[in-house]
Amino acid sequence: QEFLDVENLELIVRAGISVTSPRGNVVIKDAEVQMSVSLHLDPGVAVTGVPWWVLPLAVLLGLLLLALLVLGLWKLGFFRRARAAPPAVPRFRAVRIPREQR
């Protein structure tokens, strides 16, 4: 954004490397280098972003896809509660007998 008015830009890049090794046999020639990079910008080409209508469209399509996914999972029974299996031994309601009648 700082260079929107500039047609030509030249960058000077410097890079260096240093190696520390316990062995003394590591030799690097030309450990520092300098390069220049030239950029020629076309002023007729505008720098633009994404059109505004793409973002709401993407949000709506994402919500539609999410709704279809939830609907499909609901139809397949994904959101139903697991029910407990019936007990193997049936339960009966017992009648309480008073102590005097025992």
Protein backbone atom coordinates (compact mmCIF):
# COMPACT_ATOMS: atom_id res chain seq x y z
CA GLN A 1 0.00 0.00 0.00
CA GLU A 2 2.92 2.33 0.53
CA PHE A 3 4.18 1.88 -3.03
CA LEU A 4 0.95 2.32 -5.02
CA ASP A 5 2.19 5.56 -6.62
CA VAL A 6 5.57 4.13 -7.64
CA GLU A 7 6.16 2.82 -11.17
CA ASN A 8 9.72 1.53 -10.70
CA LEU A 9 11.12 0.05 -7.53
CA GLU A 10 14.59 -1.30 -6.89
CA LEU A 11 15.28 -3.41 -3.84
CA ILE A 12 18.76 -4.19 -2.58
CA VAL A 13 18.91 -7.47 -0.70
CA ARG A 14 21.86 -8.50 1.44
CA ALA A 15 22.25 -11.98 2.86
CA GLY A 16 24.96 -13.50 4.98
CA ILE A 17 25.67 -16.89 6.50
CA SER A 18 27.89 -17.95 9.34
CA VAL A 19 28.58 -21.51 10.40
CA THR A 20 30.03 -22.49 13.74
CA SER A 21 31.32 -26.03 13.77
CA PRO A 22 33.49 -27.94 16.22
CA ARG A 23 35.43 -29.18 13.22
CA GLY A 24 37.78 -26.81 11.50
CA ASN A 25 37.29 -28.21 8.00
CA VAL A 26 34.11 -26.23 7.15
CA VAL A 27 35.02 -23.53 4.65
CA ILE A 28 32.42 -21.21 3.10
CA LYS A 29 33.45 -18.90 0.28
CA ASP A 30 31.53 -15.68 -0.29
CA ALA A 31 29.63 -15.85 3.00
CA GLU A 32 27.92 -12.52 2.23
CA VAL A 33 26.13 -11.66 -0.98
CA GLN A 34 24.24 -8.62 -2.24
CA MET A 35 21.61 -8.62 -5.00
CA SER A 36 19.35 -6.01 -6.51
CA VAL A 37 15.81 -6.72 -7.60
CA SER A 38 14.01 -4.33 -9.98
CA LEU A 39 10.23 -4.13 -10.10
CA HIS A 40 8.41 -2.33 -12.90
CA LEU A 41 4.78 -1.72 -12.02
CA ASP A 42 2.10 -1.07 -14.61
CA PRO A 43 0.07 1.99 -13.54
CA GLY A 44 -2.90 0.86 -15.68
CA VAL A 45 -3.45 -2.23 -13.55
CA ALA A 46 -5.49 -1.39 -10.50
CA VAL A 47 -4.95 -3.15 -7.21
CA THR A 48 -8.38 -4.36 -6.17
CA GLY A 49 -9.71 -6.66 -3.52
CA VAL A 50 -12.65 -9.01 -3.50
CA PRO A 51 -15.95 -7.50 -4.67
CA TRP A 52 -18.36 -6.78 -1.82
CA TRP A 53 -21.08 -9.12 -3.07
CA VAL A 54 -18.80 -12.18 -2.90
CA LEU A 55 -18.65 -12.17 0.91
CA PRO A 56 -22.44 -12.24 1.60
CA LEU A 57 -22.86 -14.83 -1.14
CA ALA A 58 -20.17 -17.03 0.44
CA VAL A 59 -21.82 -16.68 3.87
CA LEU A 60 -25.25 -17.62 2.49
CA LEU A 61 -23.88 -20.62 0.60
CA GLY A 62 -22.02 -21.75 3.71
CA LEU A 63 -25.19 -21.54 5.81
CA LEU A 64 -27.14 -23.42 3.14
CA LEU A 65 -24.52 -26.17 3.09
CA LEU A 66 -24.59 -26.38 6.90
CA ALA A 67 -28.41 -26.59 6.90
CA LEU A 68 -28.34 -29.39 4.31
CA LEU A 69 -25.77 -31.28 6.35
CA VAL A 70 -27.83 -30.97 9.55
CA LEU A 71 -31.02 -31.97 7.71
CA GLY A 72 -29.34 -35.07 6.28
CA LEU A 73 -27.98 -36.10 9.69
CA TRP A 74 -31.41 -35.51 11.27
CA LYS A 75 -33.11 -37.68 8.63
CA LEU A 76 -30.60 -40.45 9.29
CA GLY A 77 -31.37 -40.32 13.03
CA PHE A 78 -28.05 -38.93 14.17
CA PHE A 79 -29.65 -36.63 16.77
CA ARG A 80 -32.00 -39.22 18.37
CA ARG A 81 -31.34 -40.21 21.95
CA ALA A 82 -30.07 -43.68 22.62
CA ARG A 83 -32.68 -45.63 24.53
CA ALA A 84 -31.77 -48.10 27.26
CA ALA A 85 -32.26 -51.75 26.42
CA PRO A 86 -35.17 -53.43 28.21
CA PRO A 87 -34.04 -55.37 31.28
CA ALA A 88 -33.53 -59.11 30.89
CA VAL A 89 -35.52 -59.86 34.06
CA PRO A 90 -38.98 -58.25 34.14
CA ARG A 91 -39.78 -56.14 37.18
CA PHE A 92 -42.97 -56.80 39.06
CA ARG A 93 -44.66 -54.61 41.56
CA ALA A 94 -44.62 -56.44 44.82
CA VAL A 95 -47.45 -56.34 47.29
CA ARG A 96 -46.34 -55.50 50.78
CA ILE A 97 -47.58 -57.93 53.41
CA PRO A 98 -47.93 -56.52 56.90
CA ARG A 99 -45.90 -58.22 59.68
CA GLU A 100 -48.98 -59.44 61.50
CA GLN A 101 -50.07 -61.54 58.55
CA ARG A 102 -46.69 -63.21 57.97
